[in-house]
Amino acid sequence: MADASNPTKNEHDETAPANGESCNNGKCDLDIILDIPLNVTVELGKVKMPVNELLQLGQGSIIELSKQVGEPLDIYVNNKLVAKGEVVILDEKFGIRVADIVNPTERVKSLG
């Protein structure tokens, strides 16, 4: 039993944050995770080639990728597929327009 001079937190306190979230007045503060760095990768396509072909590549060589022109690109966050996108050009730089977010069920399946 806890006395008044040493209160203990009730395990079933409904105002307590769930799953380690920081909550204040019923609103959870996501600021604590906003600075976590993530690796974002956009995959244009893939190719498998033997080492001898790889060693023959030089400046100007062309590597044929598995995707067709206009096919959606895969967008990965920390090596997990999260979205599909398309290439855009902004001020002489390449960018990616997110066209489709992978549904949560598919993302969970990719974890296993």
PDB file of N, CA and C in Angstrom:
ATOM      1  N   MET A   1       0.842  -1.179   0.000  1.00  0.00           N
ATOM      2  CA  MET A   1       0.000   0.000   0.000  1.00  0.00           C
ATOM      3  C   MET A   1       0.889   1.245   0.000  1.00  0.00           C
ATOM      4  N   ALA A   2       0.582   2.233  -0.829  1.00  0.00           N
ATOM      5  CA  ALA A   2       1.364   3.460  -0.916  1.00  0.00           C
ATOM      6  C   ALA A   2       0.825   4.482   0.057  1.00  0.00           C
ATOM      7  N   ASP A   3       1.758   5.185   0.738  1.00  0.00           N
ATOM      8  CA  ASP A   3       1.292   6.238   1.623  1.00  0.00           C
ATOM      9  C   ASP A   3       1.290   7.580   0.889  1.00  0.00           C
ATOM     10  N   ALA A   4       0.713   8.597   1.474  1.00  0.00           N
ATOM     11  CA  ALA A   4       0.557   9.895   0.817  1.00  0.00           C
ATOM     12  C   ALA A   4       1.897  10.567   0.540  1.00  0.00           C
ATOM     13  N   SER A   5       2.923  10.242   1.338  1.00  0.00           N
ATOM     14  CA  SER A   5       4.220  10.876   1.126  1.00  0.00           C
ATOM     15  C   SER A   5       4.996  10.239  -0.017  1.00  0.00           C
ATOM     16  N   ASN A   6       4.601   9.053  -0.448  1.00  0.00           N
ATOM     17  CA  ASN A   6       5.300   8.351  -1.533  1.00  0.00           C
ATOM     18  C   ASN A   6       4.269   7.749  -2.484  1.00  0.00           C
ATOM     19  N   PRO A   7       3.608   8.595  -3.285  1.00  0.00           N
ATOM     20  CA  PRO A   7       2.574   8.058  -4.179  1.00  0.00           C
ATOM     21  C   PRO A   7       3.207   7.209  -5.275  1.00  0.00           C
ATOM     22  N   THR A   8       2.492   6.175  -5.675  1.00  0.00           N
ATOM     23  CA  THR A   8       2.948   5.335  -6.787  1.00  0.00           C
ATOM     24  C   THR A   8       1.957   5.457  -7.916  1.00  0.00           C
ATOM     25  N   LYS A   9       2.452   5.258  -9.113  1.00  0.00           N
ATOM     26  CA  LYS A   9       1.606   5.392 -10.308  1.00  0.00           C
ATOM     27  C   LYS A   9       0.721   4.157 -10.440  1.00  0.00           C
ATOM     28  N   ASN A  10      -0.533   4.369 -10.677  1.00  0.00           N
ATOM     29  CA  ASN A  10      -1.466   3.282 -10.905  1.00  0.00           C
ATOM     30  C   ASN A  10      -1.184   2.651 -12.261  1.00  0.00           C
ATOM     31  N   GLU A  11      -0.997   1.327 -12.312  1.00  0.00           N
ATOM     32  CA  GLU A  11      -0.697   0.638 -13.569  1.00  0.00           C
ATOM     33  C   GLU A  11      -1.795   0.823 -14.605  1.00  0.00           C
ATOM     34  N   HIS A  12      -2.989   1.034 -14.179  1.00  0.00           N
ATOM     35  CA  HIS A  12      -4.127   1.125 -15.090  1.00  0.00           C
ATOM     36  C   HIS A  12      -4.624   2.557 -15.231  1.00  0.00           C
ATOM     37  N   ASP A  13      -3.769   3.522 -14.970  1.00  0.00           N
ATOM     38  CA  ASP A  13      -4.119   4.929 -15.093  1.00  0.00           C
ATOM     39  C   ASP A  13      -4.405   5.248 -16.559  1.00  0.00           C
ATOM     40  N   GLU A  14      -5.623   5.655 -16.893  1.00  0.00           N
ATOM     41  CA  GLU A  14      -6.024   5.898 -18.279  1.00  0.00           C
ATOM     42  C   GLU A  14      -5.348   7.123 -18.873  1.00  0.00           C
ATOM     43  N   THR A  15      -4.819   8.015 -18.025  1.00  0.00           N
ATOM     44  CA  THR A  15      -4.142   9.191 -18.553  1.00  0.00           C
ATOM     45  C   THR A  15      -2.667   8.906 -18.834  1.00  0.00           C
ATOM     46  N   ALA A  16      -2.182   7.738 -18.433  1.00  0.00           N
ATOM     47  CA  ALA A  16      -0.783   7.391 -18.670  1.00  0.00           C
ATOM     48  C   ALA A  16      -0.572   7.118 -20.153  1.00  0.00           C
ATOM     49  N   PRO A  17       0.597   7.493 -20.673  1.00  0.00           N
ATOM     50  CA  PRO A  17       0.885   7.252 -22.080  1.00  0.00           C
ATOM     51  C   PRO A  17       0.937   5.755 -22.390  1.00  0.00           C
ATOM     52  N   ALA A  18       0.432   5.384 -23.549  1.00  0.00           N
ATOM     53  CA  ALA A  18       0.467   3.990 -23.994  1.00  0.00           C
ATOM     54  C   ALA A  18       1.674   3.792 -24.890  1.00  0.00           C
ATOM     55  N   ASN A  19       2.295   2.644 -24.793  1.00  0.00           N
ATOM     56  CA  ASN A  19       3.415   2.272 -25.661  1.00  0.00           C
ATOM     57  C   ASN A  19       4.535   3.304 -25.657  1.00  0.00           C
ATOM     58  N   GLY A  20       4.808   3.933 -24.519  1.00  0.00           N
ATOM     59  CA  GLY A  20       5.923   4.861 -24.426  1.00  0.00           C
ATOM     60  C   GLY A  20       5.672   6.228 -25.042  1.00  0.00           C
ATOM     61  N   GLU A  21       4.442   6.528 -25.451  1.00  0.00           N
ATOM     62  CA  GLU A  21       4.145   7.831 -26.041  1.00  0.00           C
ATOM     63  C   GLU A  21       4.131   8.892 -24.954  1.00  0.00           C
ATOM     64  N   SER A  22       4.509  10.110 -25.295  1.00  0.00           N
ATOM     65  CA  SER A  22       4.448  11.234 -24.378  1.00  0.00           C
ATOM     66  C   SER A  22       3.130  11.958 -24.621  1.00  0.00           C
ATOM     67  N   CYS A  23       2.240  11.953 -23.637  1.00  0.00           N
ATOM     68  CA  CYS A  23       0.924  12.573 -23.812  1.00  0.00           C
ATOM     69  C   CYS A  23       0.733  13.676 -22.789  1.00  0.00           C
ATOM     70  N   ASN A  24      -0.001  14.709 -23.201  1.00  0.00           N
ATOM     71  CA  ASN A  24      -0.293  15.827 -22.334  1.00  0.00           C
ATOM     72  C   ASN A  24      -1.735  16.233 -22.574  1.00  0.00           C
ATOM     73  N   ASN A  25      -2.543  16.172 -21.546  1.00  0.00           N
ATOM     74  CA  ASN A  25      -3.964  16.526 -21.646  1.00  0.00           C
ATOM     75  C   ASN A  25      -4.667  15.757 -22.756  1.00  0.00           C
ATOM     76  N   GLY A  26      -4.361  14.483 -22.892  1.00  0.00           N
ATOM     77  CA  GLY A  26      -5.023  13.658 -23.890  1.00  0.00           C
ATOM     78  C   GLY A  26      -4.436  13.758 -25.284  1.00  0.00           C
ATOM     79  N   LYS A  27      -3.470  14.659 -25.516  1.00  0.00           N
ATOM     80  CA  LYS A  27      -2.840  14.800 -26.828  1.00  0.00           C
ATOM     81  C   LYS A  27      -1.415  14.277 -26.748  1.00  0.00           C
ATOM     82  N   CYS A  28      -1.068  13.371 -27.652  1.00  0.00           N
ATOM     83  CA  CYS A  28       0.270  12.790 -27.644  1.00  0.00           C
ATOM     84  C   CYS A  28       1.231  13.699 -28.400  1.00  0.00           C
ATOM     85  N   ASP A  29       2.431  13.839 -27.864  1.00  0.00           N
ATOM     86  CA  ASP A  29       3.458  14.697 -28.438  1.00  0.00           C
ATOM     87  C   ASP A  29       4.396  13.842 -29.282  1.00  0.00           C
ATOM     88  N   LEU A  30       4.333  14.002 -30.603  1.00  0.00           N
ATOM     89  CA  LEU A  30       5.176  13.236 -31.514  1.00  0.00           C
ATOM     90  C   LEU A  30       6.524  13.908 -31.751  1.00  0.00           C
ATOM     91  N   ASP A  31       6.755  15.066 -31.141  1.00  0.00           N
ATOM     92  CA  ASP A  31       8.008  15.790 -31.345  1.00  0.00           C
ATOM     93  C   ASP A  31       9.222  14.952 -30.967  1.00  0.00           C
ATOM     94  N   ILE A  32       9.063  14.025 -30.053  1.00  0.00           N
ATOM     95  CA  ILE A  32      10.215  13.240 -29.599  1.00  0.00           C
ATOM     96  C   ILE A  32      10.743  12.311 -30.688  1.00  0.00           C
ATOM     97  N   ILE A  33       9.959  12.024 -31.718  1.00  0.00           N
ATOM     98  CA  ILE A  33      10.441  11.135 -32.784  1.00  0.00           C
ATOM     99  C   ILE A  33      10.730  11.856 -34.095  1.00  0.00           C
ATOM    100  N   LEU A  34      10.449  13.151 -34.167  1.00  0.00           N
ATOM    101  CA  LEU A  34      10.579  13.874 -35.433  1.00  0.00           C
ATOM    102  C   LEU A  34      12.017  14.029 -35.912  1.00  0.00           C
ATOM    103  N   ASP A  35      12.994  13.916 -35.030  1.00  0.00           N
ATOM    104  CA  ASP A  35      14.400  14.074 -35.412  1.00  0.00           C
ATOM    105  C   ASP A  35      15.114  12.751 -35.654  1.00  0.00           C
ATOM    106  N   ILE A  36      14.396  11.644 -35.617  1.00  0.00           N
ATOM    107  CA  ILE A  36      15.021  10.341 -35.850  1.00  0.00           C
ATOM    108  C   ILE A  36      15.335  10.210 -37.334  1.00  0.00           C
ATOM    109  N   PRO A  37      16.613   9.976 -37.676  1.00  0.00           N
ATOM    110  CA  PRO A  37      16.962   9.847 -39.098  1.00  0.00           C
ATOM    111  C   PRO A  37      16.488   8.517 -39.680  1.00  0.00           C
ATOM    112  N   LEU A  38      15.969   8.564 -40.894  1.00  0.00           N
ATOM    113  CA  LEU A  38      15.517   7.375 -41.612  1.00  0.00           C
ATOM    114  C   LEU A  38      16.197   7.348 -42.971  1.00  0.00           C
ATOM    115  N   ASN A  39      16.489   6.153 -43.471  1.00  0.00           N
ATOM    116  CA  ASN A  39      17.041   6.005 -44.811  1.00  0.00           C
ATOM    117  C   ASN A  39      15.899   5.854 -45.800  1.00  0.00           C
ATOM    118  N   VAL A  40      15.788   6.801 -46.734  1.00  0.00           N
ATOM    119  CA  VAL A  40      14.763   6.734 -47.771  1.00  0.00           C
ATOM    120  C   VAL A  40      15.470   6.389 -49.074  1.00  0.00           C
ATOM    121  N   THR A  41      14.997   5.322 -49.737  1.00  0.00           N
ATOM    122  CA  THR A  41      15.603   4.837 -50.977  1.00  0.00           C
ATOM    123  C   THR A  41      14.521   4.727 -52.030  1.00  0.00           C
ATOM    124  N   VAL A  42      14.839   5.172 -53.238  1.00  0.00           N
ATOM    125  CA  VAL A  42      13.919   5.027 -54.362  1.00  0.00           C
ATOM    126  C   VAL A  42      14.584   4.090 -55.358  1.00  0.00           C
ATOM    127  N   GLU A  43      13.882   3.034 -55.712  1.00  0.00           N
ATOM    128  CA  GLU A  43      14.444   2.022 -56.605  1.00  0.00           C
ATOM    129  C   GLU A  43      13.878   2.182 -58.005  1.00  0.00           C
ATOM    130  N   LEU A  44      14.765   2.479 -58.946  1.00  0.00           N
ATOM    131  CA  LEU A  44      14.356   2.613 -60.348  1.00  0.00           C
ATOM    132  C   LEU A  44      14.149   1.249 -60.997  1.00  0.00           C
ATOM    133  N   GLY A  45      14.873   0.256 -60.541  1.00  0.00           N
ATOM    134  CA  GLY A  45      14.801  -1.089 -61.095  1.00  0.00           C
ATOM    135  C   GLY A  45      15.949  -1.916 -60.575  1.00  0.00           C
ATOM    136  N   LYS A  46      15.997  -3.163 -60.998  1.00  0.00           N
ATOM    137  CA  LYS A  46      17.037  -4.082 -60.556  1.00  0.00           C
ATOM    138  C   LYS A  46      17.596  -4.817 -61.757  1.00  0.00           C
ATOM    139  N   VAL A  47      18.793  -5.349 -61.565  1.00  0.00           N
ATOM    140  CA  VAL A  47      19.396  -6.207 -62.571  1.00  0.00           C
ATOM    141  C   VAL A  47      20.388  -7.131 -61.873  1.00  0.00           C
ATOM    142  N   LYS A  48      20.456  -8.365 -62.317  1.00  0.00           N
ATOM    143  CA  LYS A  48      21.474  -9.307 -61.855  1.00  0.00           C
ATOM    144  C   LYS A  48      22.426  -9.527 -63.009  1.00  0.00           C
ATOM    145  N   MET A  49      23.719  -9.480 -62.705  1.00  0.00           N
ATOM    146  CA  MET A  49      24.704  -9.732 -63.755  1.00  0.00           C
ATOM    147  C   MET A  49      25.909 -10.427 -63.138  1.00  0.00           C
ATOM    148  N   PRO A  50      26.541 -11.271 -63.924  1.00  0.00           N
ATOM    149  CA  PRO A  50      27.744 -11.936 -63.427  1.00  0.00           C
ATOM    150  C   PRO A  50      28.898 -10.935 -63.272  1.00  0.00           C
ATOM    151  N   VAL A  51      29.859 -11.284 -62.435  1.00  0.00           N
ATOM    152  CA  VAL A  51      30.987 -10.407 -62.152  1.00  0.00           C
ATOM    153  C   VAL A  51      31.735 -10.035 -63.428  1.00  0.00           C
ATOM    154  N   ASN A  52      31.904 -10.994 -64.346  1.00  0.00           N
ATOM    155  CA  ASN A  52      32.664 -10.680 -65.565  1.00  0.00           C
ATOM    156  C   ASN A  52      31.979  -9.585 -66.397  1.00  0.00           C
ATOM    157  N   GLU A  53      30.628  -9.557 -66.428  1.00  0.00           N
ATOM    158  CA  GLU A  53      29.914  -8.480 -67.132  1.00  0.00           C
ATOM    159  C   GLU A  53      30.077  -7.159 -66.385  1.00  0.00           C
ATOM    160  N   LEU A  54      30.011  -7.212 -65.070  1.00  0.00           N
ATOM    161  CA  LEU A  54      30.168  -6.015 -64.253  1.00  0.00           C
ATOM    162  C   LEU A  54      31.542  -5.391 -64.478  1.00  0.00           C
ATOM    163  N   LEU A  55      32.575  -6.219 -64.564  1.00  0.00           N
ATOM    164  CA  LEU A  55      33.936  -5.723 -64.762  1.00  0.00           C
ATOM    165  C   LEU A  55      34.142  -5.112 -66.143  1.00  0.00           C
ATOM    166  N   GLN A  56      33.286  -5.468 -67.099  1.00  0.00           N
ATOM    167  CA  GLN A  56      33.405  -4.933 -68.457  1.00  0.00           C
ATOM    168  C   GLN A  56      32.716  -3.577 -68.621  1.00  0.00           C
ATOM    169  N   LEU A  57      31.970  -3.142 -67.601  1.00  0.00           N
ATOM    170  CA  LEU A  57      31.285  -1.853 -67.680  1.00  0.00           C
ATOM    171  C   LEU A  57      32.287  -0.717 -67.660  1.00  0.00           C
ATOM    172  N   GLY A  58      32.011   0.278 -68.420  1.00  0.00           N
ATOM    173  CA  GLY A  58      32.853   1.467 -68.445  1.00  0.00           C
ATOM    174  C   GLY A  58      31.983   2.687 -68.630  1.00  0.00           C
ATOM    175  N   GLN A  59      32.623   3.850 -68.730  1.00  0.00           N
ATOM    176  CA  GLN A  59      31.894   5.088 -68.933  1.00  0.00           C
ATOM    177  C   GLN A  59      31.070   4.982 -70.213  1.00  0.00           C
ATOM    178  N   GLY A  60      29.798   5.308 -70.126  1.00  0.00           N
ATOM    179  CA  GLY A  60      28.907   5.248 -71.281  1.00  0.00           C
ATOM    180  C   GLY A  60      28.175   3.921 -71.412  1.00  0.00           C
ATOM    181  N   SER A  61      28.526   2.920 -70.577  1.00  0.00           N
ATOM    182  CA  SER A  61      27.816   1.632 -70.623  1.00  0.00           C
ATOM    183  C   SER A  61      26.367   1.832 -70.197  1.00  0.00           C
ATOM    184  N   ILE A  62      25.501   1.027 -70.757  1.00  0.00           N
ATOM    185  CA  ILE A  62      24.074   1.083 -70.417  1.00  0.00           C
ATOM    186  C   ILE A  62      23.695  -0.221 -69.744  1.00  0.00           C
ATOM    187  N   ILE A  63      23.018  -0.098 -68.615  1.00  0.00           N
ATOM    188  CA  ILE A  63      22.535  -1.267 -67.878  1.00  0.00           C
ATOM    189  C   ILE A  63      21.019  -1.276 -67.988  1.00  0.00           C
ATOM    190  N   GLU A  64      20.466  -2.331 -68.536  1.00  0.00           N
ATOM    191  CA  GLU A  64      19.016  -2.447 -68.683  1.00  0.00           C
ATOM    192  C   GLU A  64      18.417  -2.901 -67.351  1.00  0.00           C
ATOM    193  N   LEU A  65      17.463  -2.128 -66.861  1.00  0.00           N
ATOM    194  CA  LEU A  65      16.828  -2.432 -65.582  1.00  0.00           C
ATOM    195  C   LEU A  65      15.535  -3.215 -65.786  1.00  0.00           C
ATOM    196  N   SER A  66      15.029  -3.773 -64.695  1.00  0.00           N
ATOM    197  CA  SER A  66      13.857  -4.647 -64.747  1.00  0.00           C
ATOM    198  C   SER A  66      12.539  -3.899 -64.958  1.00  0.00           C
ATOM    199  N   LYS A  67      12.492  -2.606 -64.710  1.00  0.00           N
ATOM    200  CA  LYS A  67      11.241  -1.846 -64.830  1.00  0.00           C
ATOM    201  C   LYS A  67      11.118  -1.184 -66.189  1.00  0.00           C
ATOM    202  N   GLN A  68       9.880  -1.031 -66.617  1.00  0.00           N
ATOM    203  CA  GLN A  68       9.578  -0.352 -67.878  1.00  0.00           C
ATOM    204  C   GLN A  68       9.441   1.150 -67.636  1.00  0.00           C
ATOM    205  N   VAL A  69       9.634   1.941 -68.666  1.00  0.00           N
ATOM    206  CA  VAL A  69       9.435   3.392 -68.575  1.00  0.00           C
ATOM    207  C   VAL A  69       7.981   3.656 -68.193  1.00  0.00           C
ATOM    208  N   GLY A  70       7.773   4.533 -67.237  1.00  0.00           N
ATOM    209  CA  GLY A  70       6.421   4.873 -66.801  1.00  0.00           C
ATOM    210  C   GLY A  70       5.898   3.988 -65.685  1.00  0.00           C
ATOM    211  N   GLU A  71       6.580   2.894 -65.397  1.00  0.00           N
ATOM    212  CA  GLU A  71       6.164   2.004 -64.311  1.00  0.00           C
ATOM    213  C   GLU A  71       6.469   2.687 -62.974  1.00  0.00           C
ATOM    214  N   PRO A  72       5.602   2.527 -61.960  1.00  0.00           N
ATOM    215  CA  PRO A  72       5.840   3.174 -60.668  1.00  0.00           C
ATOM    216  C   PRO A  72       7.166   2.730 -60.048  1.00  0.00           C
ATOM    217  N   LEU A  73       7.826   3.675 -59.371  1.00  0.00           N
ATOM    218  CA  LEU A  73       9.068   3.393 -58.665  1.00  0.00           C
ATOM    219  C   LEU A  73       8.751   2.954 -57.243  1.00  0.00           C
ATOM    220  N   ASP A  74       9.585   2.126 -56.677  1.00  0.00           N
ATOM    221  CA  ASP A  74       9.405   1.680 -55.297  1.00  0.00           C
ATOM    222  C   ASP A  74      10.119   2.641 -54.349  1.00  0.00           C
ATOM    223  N   ILE A  75       9.419   3.046 -53.287  1.00  0.00           N
ATOM    224  CA  ILE A  75       9.984   3.937 -52.275  1.00  0.00           C
ATOM    225  C   ILE A  75      10.082   3.148 -50.975  1.00  0.00           C
ATOM    226  N   TYR A  76      11.310   3.032 -50.471  1.00  0.00           N
ATOM    227  CA  TYR A  76      11.580   2.280 -49.256  1.00  0.00           C
ATOM    228  C   TYR A  76      12.006   3.220 -48.143  1.00  0.00           C
ATOM    229  N   VAL A  77      11.576   2.916 -46.921  1.00  0.00           N
ATOM    230  CA  VAL A  77      12.068   3.601 -45.728  1.00  0.00           C
ATOM    231  C   VAL A  77      12.670   2.525 -44.847  1.00  0.00           C
ATOM    232  N   ASN A  78      13.972   2.679 -44.564  1.00  0.00           N
ATOM    233  CA  ASN A  78      14.720   1.668 -43.810  1.00  0.00           C
ATOM    234  C   ASN A  78      14.514   0.270 -44.396  1.00  0.00           C
ATOM    235  N   ASN A  79      14.630   0.182 -45.699  1.00  0.00           N
ATOM    236  CA  ASN A  79      14.560  -1.078 -46.452  1.00  0.00           C
ATOM    237  C   ASN A  79      13.183  -1.737 -46.448  1.00  0.00           C
ATOM    238  N   LYS A  80      12.143  -1.011 -46.090  1.00  0.00           N
ATOM    239  CA  LYS A  80      10.771  -1.533 -46.113  1.00  0.00           C
ATOM    240  C   LYS A  80       9.969  -0.734 -47.130  1.00  0.00           C
ATOM    241  N   LEU A  81       9.299  -1.440 -48.051  1.00  0.00           N
ATOM    242  CA  LEU A  81       8.489  -0.775 -49.068  1.00  0.00           C
ATOM    243  C   LEU A  81       7.321  -0.055 -48.404  1.00  0.00           C
ATOM    244  N   VAL A  82       7.221   1.263 -48.630  1.00  0.00           N
ATOM    245  CA  VAL A  82       6.137   2.038 -48.028  1.00  0.00           C
ATOM    246  C   VAL A  82       5.271   2.752 -49.050  1.00  0.00           C
ATOM    247  N   ALA A  83       5.795   2.937 -50.286  1.00  0.00           N
ATOM    248  CA  ALA A  83       5.014   3.693 -51.265  1.00  0.00           C
ATOM    249  C   ALA A  83       5.506   3.414 -52.680  1.00  0.00           C
ATOM    250  N   LYS A  84       4.704   3.868 -53.646  1.00  0.00           N
ATOM    251  CA  LYS A  84       5.066   3.845 -55.061  1.00  0.00           C
ATOM    252  C   LYS A  84       5.058   5.302 -55.524  1.00  0.00           C
ATOM    253  N   GLY A  85       5.907   5.609 -56.493  1.00  0.00           N
ATOM    254  CA  GLY A  85       5.980   6.987 -56.939  1.00  0.00           C
ATOM    255  C   GLY A  85       6.395   7.104 -58.384  1.00  0.00           C
ATOM    256  N   GLU A  86       6.538   8.342 -58.831  1.00  0.00           N
ATOM    257  CA  GLU A  86       6.954   8.607 -60.208  1.00  0.00           C
ATOM    258  C   GLU A  86       7.978   9.738 -60.208  1.00  0.00           C
ATOM    259  N   VAL A  87       8.860   9.717 -61.190  1.00  0.00           N
ATOM    260  CA  VAL A  87       9.910  10.724 -61.301  1.00  0.00           C
ATOM    261  C   VAL A  87       9.319  12.042 -61.780  1.00  0.00           C
ATOM    262  N   VAL A  88       9.764  13.130 -61.159  1.00  0.00           N
ATOM    263  CA  VAL A  88       9.430  14.478 -61.609  1.00  0.00           C
ATOM    264  C   VAL A  88      10.730  15.283 -61.657  1.00  0.00           C
ATOM    265  N   ILE A  89      10.730  16.361 -62.417  1.00  0.00           N
ATOM    266  CA  ILE A  89      11.901  17.231 -62.494  1.00  0.00           C
ATOM    267  C   ILE A  89      11.506  18.593 -61.939  1.00  0.00           C
ATOM    268  N   LEU A  90      12.272  19.049 -60.946  1.00  0.00           N
ATOM    269  CA  LEU A  90      12.024  20.335 -60.299  1.00  0.00           C
ATOM    270  C   LEU A  90      13.304  21.157 -60.344  1.00  0.00           C
ATOM    271  N   ASP A  91      13.295  22.265 -61.050  1.00  0.00           N
ATOM    272  CA  ASP A  91      14.463  23.154 -61.118  1.00  0.00           C
ATOM    273  C   ASP A  91      15.737  22.389 -61.467  1.00  0.00           C
ATOM    274  N   GLU A  92      15.679  21.614 -62.532  1.00  0.00           N
ATOM    275  CA  GLU A  92      16.847  20.866 -63.025  1.00  0.00           C
ATOM    276  C   GLU A  92      17.293  19.738 -62.095  1.00  0.00           C
ATOM    277  N   LYS A  93      16.462  19.354 -61.129  1.00  0.00           N
ATOM    278  CA  LYS A  93      16.781  18.254 -60.221  1.00  0.00           C
ATOM    279  C   LYS A  93      15.676  17.219 -60.295  1.00  0.00           C
ATOM    280  N   PHE A  94      16.052  15.954 -60.069  1.00  0.00           N
ATOM    281  CA  PHE A  94      15.062  14.887 -60.032  1.00  0.00           C
ATOM    282  C   PHE A  94      14.364  14.887 -58.680  1.00  0.00           C
ATOM    283  N   GLY A  95      13.107  14.522 -58.695  1.00  0.00           N
ATOM    284  CA  GLY A  95      12.331  14.343 -57.479  1.00  0.00           C
ATOM    285  C   GLY A  95      11.396  13.176 -57.677  1.00  0.00           C
ATOM    286  N   ILE A  96      10.702  12.809 -56.630  1.00  0.00           N
ATOM    287  CA  ILE A  96       9.743  11.704 -56.680  1.00  0.00           C
ATOM    288  C   ILE A  96       8.402  12.205 -56.170  1.00  0.00           C
ATOM    289  N   ARG A  97       7.356  11.985 -56.954  1.00  0.00           N
ATOM    290  CA  ARG A  97       5.987  12.293 -56.530  1.00  0.00           C
ATOM    291  C   ARG A  97       5.399  10.997 -55.993  1.00  0.00           C
ATOM    292  N   VAL A  98       4.960  11.015 -54.754  1.00  0.00           N
ATOM    293  CA  VAL A  98       4.340   9.829 -54.150  1.00  0.00           C
ATOM    294  C   VAL A  98       2.972   9.640 -54.776  1.00  0.00           C
ATOM    295  N   ALA A  99       2.778   8.479 -55.386  1.00  0.00           N
ATOM    296  CA  ALA A  99       1.523   8.210 -56.087  1.00  0.00           C
ATOM    297  C   ALA A  99       0.607   7.284 -55.289  1.00  0.00           C
ATOM    298  N   ASP A 100       1.196   6.399 -54.483  1.00  0.00           N
ATOM    299  CA  ASP A 100       0.390   5.409 -53.770  1.00  0.00           C
ATOM    300  C   ASP A 100       1.138   4.969 -52.518  1.00  0.00           C
ATOM    301  N   ILE A 101       0.458   4.975 -51.392  1.00  0.00           N
ATOM    302  CA  ILE A 101       1.036   4.495 -50.134  1.00  0.00           C
ATOM    303  C   ILE A 101       0.636   3.027 -49.973  1.00  0.00           C
ATOM    304  N   VAL A 102       1.606   2.185 -49.644  1.00  0.00           N
ATOM    305  CA  VAL A 102       1.324   0.768 -49.420  1.00  0.00           C
ATOM    306  C   VAL A 102       0.446   0.662 -48.178  1.00  0.00           C
ATOM    307  N   ASN A 103      -0.618  -0.137 -48.269  1.00  0.00           N
ATOM    308  CA  ASN A 103      -1.546  -0.200 -47.128  1.00  0.00           C
ATOM    309  C   ASN A 103      -0.846  -0.846 -45.918  1.00  0.00           C
ATOM    310  N   PRO A 104      -1.289  -0.498 -44.722  1.00  0.00           N
ATOM    311  CA  PRO A 104      -0.633  -0.978 -43.492  1.00  0.00           C
ATOM    312  C   PRO A 104      -0.529  -2.497 -43.404  1.00  0.00           C
ATOM    313  N   THR A 105      -1.530  -3.216 -43.898  1.00  0.00           N
ATOM    314  CA  THR A 105      -1.493  -4.674 -43.841  1.00  0.00           C
ATOM    315  C   THR A 105      -0.317  -5.213 -44.645  1.00  0.00           C
ATOM    316  N   GLU A 106      -0.099  -4.663 -45.833  1.00  0.00           N
ATOM    317  CA  GLU A 106       1.015  -5.099 -46.671  1.00  0.00           C
ATOM    318  C   GLU A 106       2.360  -4.746 -46.038  1.00  0.00           C
ATOM    319  N   ARG A 107       2.425  -3.570 -45.385  1.00  0.00           N
ATOM    320  CA  ARG A 107       3.665  -3.173 -44.717  1.00  0.00           C
ATOM    321  C   ARG A 107       3.988  -4.126 -43.581  1.00  0.00           C
ATOM    322  N   VAL A 108       2.979  -4.538 -42.808  1.00  0.00           N
ATOM    323  CA  VAL A 108       3.204  -5.479 -41.709  1.00  0.00           C
ATOM    324  C   VAL A 108       3.668  -6.827 -42.264  1.00  0.00           C
ATOM    325  N   LYS A 109       3.081  -7.270 -43.377  1.00  0.00           N
ATOM    326  CA  LYS A 109       3.490  -8.537 -43.984  1.00  0.00           C
ATOM    327  C   LYS A 109       4.948  -8.495 -44.423  1.00  0.00           C
ATOM    328  N   SER A 110       5.425  -7.329 -44.892  1.00  0.00           N
ATOM    329  CA  SER A 110       6.800  -7.223 -45.369  1.00  0.00           C
ATOM    330  C   SER A 110       7.805  -7.270 -44.211  1.00  0.00           C
ATOM    331  N   LEU A 111       7.346  -7.061 -42.988  1.00  0.00           N
ATOM    332  CA  LEU A 111       8.245  -7.115 -41.839  1.00  0.00           C
ATOM    333  C   LEU A 111       8.639  -8.542 -41.491  1.00  0.00           C
ATOM    334  N   GLY A 112       7.783  -9.494 -41.838  1.00  0.00           N
ATOM    335  CA  GLY A 112       8.026 -10.888 -41.447  1.00  0.00           C
ATOM    336  C   GLY A 112       8.759 -11.629 -42.432  1.00  0.00           C
TER     337      GLY A 112
END
